[in-house]
N, C-alpha and C. Protein backbone atom coordinates (compact mmCIF):
# COMPACT_ATOMS: atom_id res chain seq x y z
N MET A 1 30.26 18.20 -138.93
CA MET A 1 31.42 17.50 -138.46
C MET A 1 32.31 17.16 -139.66
N ASP A 2 33.58 17.54 -139.63
CA ASP A 2 34.45 17.21 -140.76
C ASP A 2 35.14 15.87 -140.51
N ASN A 3 35.83 15.36 -141.52
CA ASN A 3 36.43 14.03 -141.44
C ASN A 3 37.47 13.90 -140.34
N GLU A 4 38.24 14.95 -140.09
CA GLU A 4 39.26 14.85 -139.05
C GLU A 4 38.63 14.63 -137.68
N GLU A 5 37.53 15.26 -137.41
CA GLU A 5 36.88 15.11 -136.11
C GLU A 5 36.18 13.77 -135.97
N SER A 6 35.74 13.20 -137.06
CA SER A 6 34.97 11.97 -136.97
C SER A 6 35.78 10.72 -137.28
N PHE A 7 37.07 10.87 -137.58
CA PHE A 7 37.88 9.70 -137.93
C PHE A 7 38.06 8.81 -136.72
N GLN A 8 37.82 7.53 -136.92
CA GLN A 8 37.97 6.58 -135.83
C GLN A 8 38.52 5.27 -136.39
N VAL A 9 39.46 4.69 -135.67
CA VAL A 9 40.01 3.38 -136.02
C VAL A 9 39.47 2.38 -134.99
N VAL A 10 38.88 1.31 -135.47
CA VAL A 10 38.40 0.25 -134.59
C VAL A 10 39.35 -0.93 -134.73
N VAL A 11 39.83 -1.43 -133.61
CA VAL A 11 40.78 -2.54 -133.63
C VAL A 11 40.32 -3.59 -132.62
N GLY A 12 40.40 -4.84 -133.04
CA GLY A 12 40.02 -5.95 -132.16
C GLY A 12 41.23 -6.50 -131.43
N LEU A 13 41.07 -6.77 -130.17
CA LEU A 13 42.15 -7.30 -129.34
C LEU A 13 41.76 -8.67 -128.78
N ASP A 14 42.72 -9.60 -128.86
CA ASP A 14 42.48 -10.92 -128.28
C ASP A 14 43.64 -11.39 -127.41
N GLY A 15 44.57 -10.50 -127.12
CA GLY A 15 45.71 -10.85 -126.28
C GLY A 15 46.90 -11.39 -127.06
N SER A 16 46.76 -11.59 -128.35
CA SER A 16 47.86 -12.12 -129.16
C SER A 16 48.85 -11.01 -129.51
N ASP A 17 50.05 -11.43 -129.89
CA ASP A 17 51.06 -10.46 -130.34
C ASP A 17 50.56 -9.69 -131.56
N GLU A 18 49.85 -10.38 -132.45
CA GLU A 18 49.34 -9.73 -133.65
C GLU A 18 48.32 -8.64 -133.31
N SER A 19 47.47 -8.91 -132.34
CA SER A 19 46.48 -7.88 -131.99
C SER A 19 47.14 -6.70 -131.29
N ARG A 20 48.20 -6.95 -130.55
CA ARG A 20 48.95 -5.83 -129.94
C ARG A 20 49.61 -4.98 -131.02
N ALA A 21 50.13 -5.64 -132.05
CA ALA A 21 50.71 -4.90 -133.17
C ALA A 21 49.63 -4.09 -133.89
N ALA A 22 48.45 -4.68 -134.05
CA ALA A 22 47.34 -3.96 -134.68
C ALA A 22 46.94 -2.75 -133.85
N LEU A 23 46.97 -2.87 -132.54
CA LEU A 23 46.65 -1.74 -131.67
C LEU A 23 47.69 -0.63 -131.85
N GLY A 24 48.95 -1.00 -131.93
CA GLY A 24 50.00 0.00 -132.17
C GLY A 24 49.79 0.73 -133.48
N TRP A 25 49.44 -0.03 -134.52
CA TRP A 25 49.17 0.60 -135.82
C TRP A 25 47.97 1.53 -135.72
N ALA A 26 46.92 1.09 -135.03
CA ALA A 26 45.70 1.90 -134.90
C ALA A 26 45.99 3.21 -134.18
N VAL A 27 46.79 3.15 -133.13
CA VAL A 27 47.14 4.37 -132.39
C VAL A 27 47.93 5.32 -133.29
N SER A 28 48.90 4.79 -134.02
CA SER A 28 49.70 5.63 -134.94
C SER A 28 48.82 6.27 -136.00
N GLU A 29 47.93 5.49 -136.58
CA GLU A 29 47.05 6.00 -137.63
C GLU A 29 46.11 7.07 -137.08
N ALA A 30 45.58 6.84 -135.90
CA ALA A 30 44.68 7.83 -135.29
C ALA A 30 45.42 9.13 -134.98
N ARG A 31 46.66 9.02 -134.54
CA ARG A 31 47.46 10.23 -134.28
C ARG A 31 47.69 11.02 -135.56
N LEU A 32 48.03 10.30 -136.63
CA LEU A 32 48.29 10.97 -137.91
C LEU A 32 47.06 11.72 -138.41
N ARG A 33 45.89 11.14 -138.19
CA ARG A 33 44.65 11.72 -138.71
C ARG A 33 43.86 12.49 -137.66
N ARG A 34 44.46 12.62 -136.48
CA ARG A 34 43.78 13.30 -135.36
C ARG A 34 42.42 12.68 -135.05
N GLY A 35 42.43 11.39 -135.02
CA GLY A 35 41.20 10.66 -134.74
C GLY A 35 41.27 9.94 -133.40
N LYS A 36 40.39 9.00 -133.25
CA LYS A 36 40.30 8.24 -132.01
C LYS A 36 40.46 6.75 -132.31
N VAL A 37 40.82 6.01 -131.27
CA VAL A 37 40.92 4.56 -131.37
C VAL A 37 39.83 3.95 -130.50
N ARG A 38 39.15 2.99 -131.06
CA ARG A 38 38.20 2.21 -130.27
C ARG A 38 38.70 0.77 -130.28
N ALA A 39 39.17 0.31 -129.15
CA ALA A 39 39.66 -1.06 -129.01
C ALA A 39 38.52 -1.92 -128.48
N VAL A 40 38.27 -3.03 -129.16
CA VAL A 40 37.18 -3.91 -128.76
C VAL A 40 37.69 -5.33 -128.54
N THR A 41 37.02 -6.02 -127.69
CA THR A 41 37.32 -7.43 -127.47
C THR A 41 36.00 -8.14 -127.20
N ALA A 42 35.99 -9.41 -127.43
CA ALA A 42 34.80 -10.21 -127.14
C ALA A 42 35.23 -11.38 -126.26
N TRP A 43 34.35 -11.76 -125.39
CA TRP A 43 34.64 -12.85 -124.49
C TRP A 43 33.41 -13.72 -124.37
N GLN A 44 33.61 -15.01 -124.43
CA GLN A 44 32.51 -15.94 -124.27
C GLN A 44 32.77 -16.74 -123.00
N PRO A 45 31.85 -16.68 -122.05
CA PRO A 45 32.08 -17.44 -120.82
C PRO A 45 32.12 -18.93 -121.12
N PRO A 46 32.90 -19.66 -120.33
CA PRO A 46 32.97 -21.10 -120.56
C PRO A 46 31.61 -21.76 -120.33
N ALA A 47 31.39 -22.83 -121.05
CA ALA A 47 30.13 -23.56 -120.90
C ALA A 47 30.05 -24.18 -119.51
N VAL A 48 28.91 -24.09 -118.91
CA VAL A 48 28.69 -24.68 -117.60
C VAL A 48 27.79 -25.89 -117.78
N PRO A 49 28.26 -27.05 -117.34
CA PRO A 49 27.42 -28.23 -117.50
C PRO A 49 26.11 -28.08 -116.71
N VAL A 50 25.04 -28.49 -117.33
CA VAL A 50 23.73 -28.41 -116.69
C VAL A 50 23.22 -29.83 -116.52
N GLY A 51 22.84 -30.15 -115.35
CA GLY A 51 22.33 -31.48 -115.08
C GLY A 51 22.15 -31.66 -113.59
N PRO A 52 21.79 -32.86 -113.18
CA PRO A 52 21.58 -33.08 -111.76
C PRO A 52 22.88 -32.94 -110.98
N CYS A 53 22.76 -32.41 -109.80
CA CYS A 53 23.91 -32.24 -108.92
C CYS A 53 23.77 -33.27 -107.80
N TYR A 54 24.70 -34.20 -107.75
CA TYR A 54 24.61 -35.27 -106.77
C TYR A 54 25.60 -35.10 -105.62
N SER A 55 26.25 -33.97 -105.54
CA SER A 55 27.30 -33.80 -104.55
C SER A 55 26.82 -34.05 -103.12
N GLY A 56 25.73 -33.47 -102.73
CA GLY A 56 25.24 -33.67 -101.37
C GLY A 56 23.88 -34.34 -101.34
N THR A 57 23.13 -34.22 -102.42
CA THR A 57 21.77 -34.76 -102.45
C THR A 57 21.76 -36.27 -102.31
N ALA A 58 22.61 -36.96 -103.05
CA ALA A 58 22.63 -38.42 -103.01
C ALA A 58 23.01 -38.92 -101.62
N ARG A 59 23.93 -38.27 -100.97
CA ARG A 59 24.37 -38.67 -99.64
C ARG A 59 23.21 -38.58 -98.64
N TRP A 60 22.44 -37.50 -98.70
CA TRP A 60 21.34 -37.31 -97.76
C TRP A 60 20.18 -38.26 -98.05
N ARG A 61 20.10 -38.74 -99.25
CA ARG A 61 19.05 -39.71 -99.59
C ARG A 61 19.45 -41.13 -99.17
N GLY A 62 20.70 -41.30 -98.77
CA GLY A 62 21.17 -42.61 -98.33
C GLY A 62 21.66 -43.50 -99.44
N ARG A 63 22.04 -42.92 -100.55
CA ARG A 63 22.54 -43.72 -101.68
C ARG A 63 24.00 -43.98 -101.54
């Protein structure tokens, strides 16, 4: 495999204007070098509180 076939640009996206600009640069660079773009993003789910749930339980217990 030669360098042209294996060239890859990895760019991180987070929805910001800067990351969109980085994606544009990555696409241009990959075209120039006949490579590929791999766009990646990471997402962390929001924290879910863990503890007793009193929504219906307390009512049925008569509290």
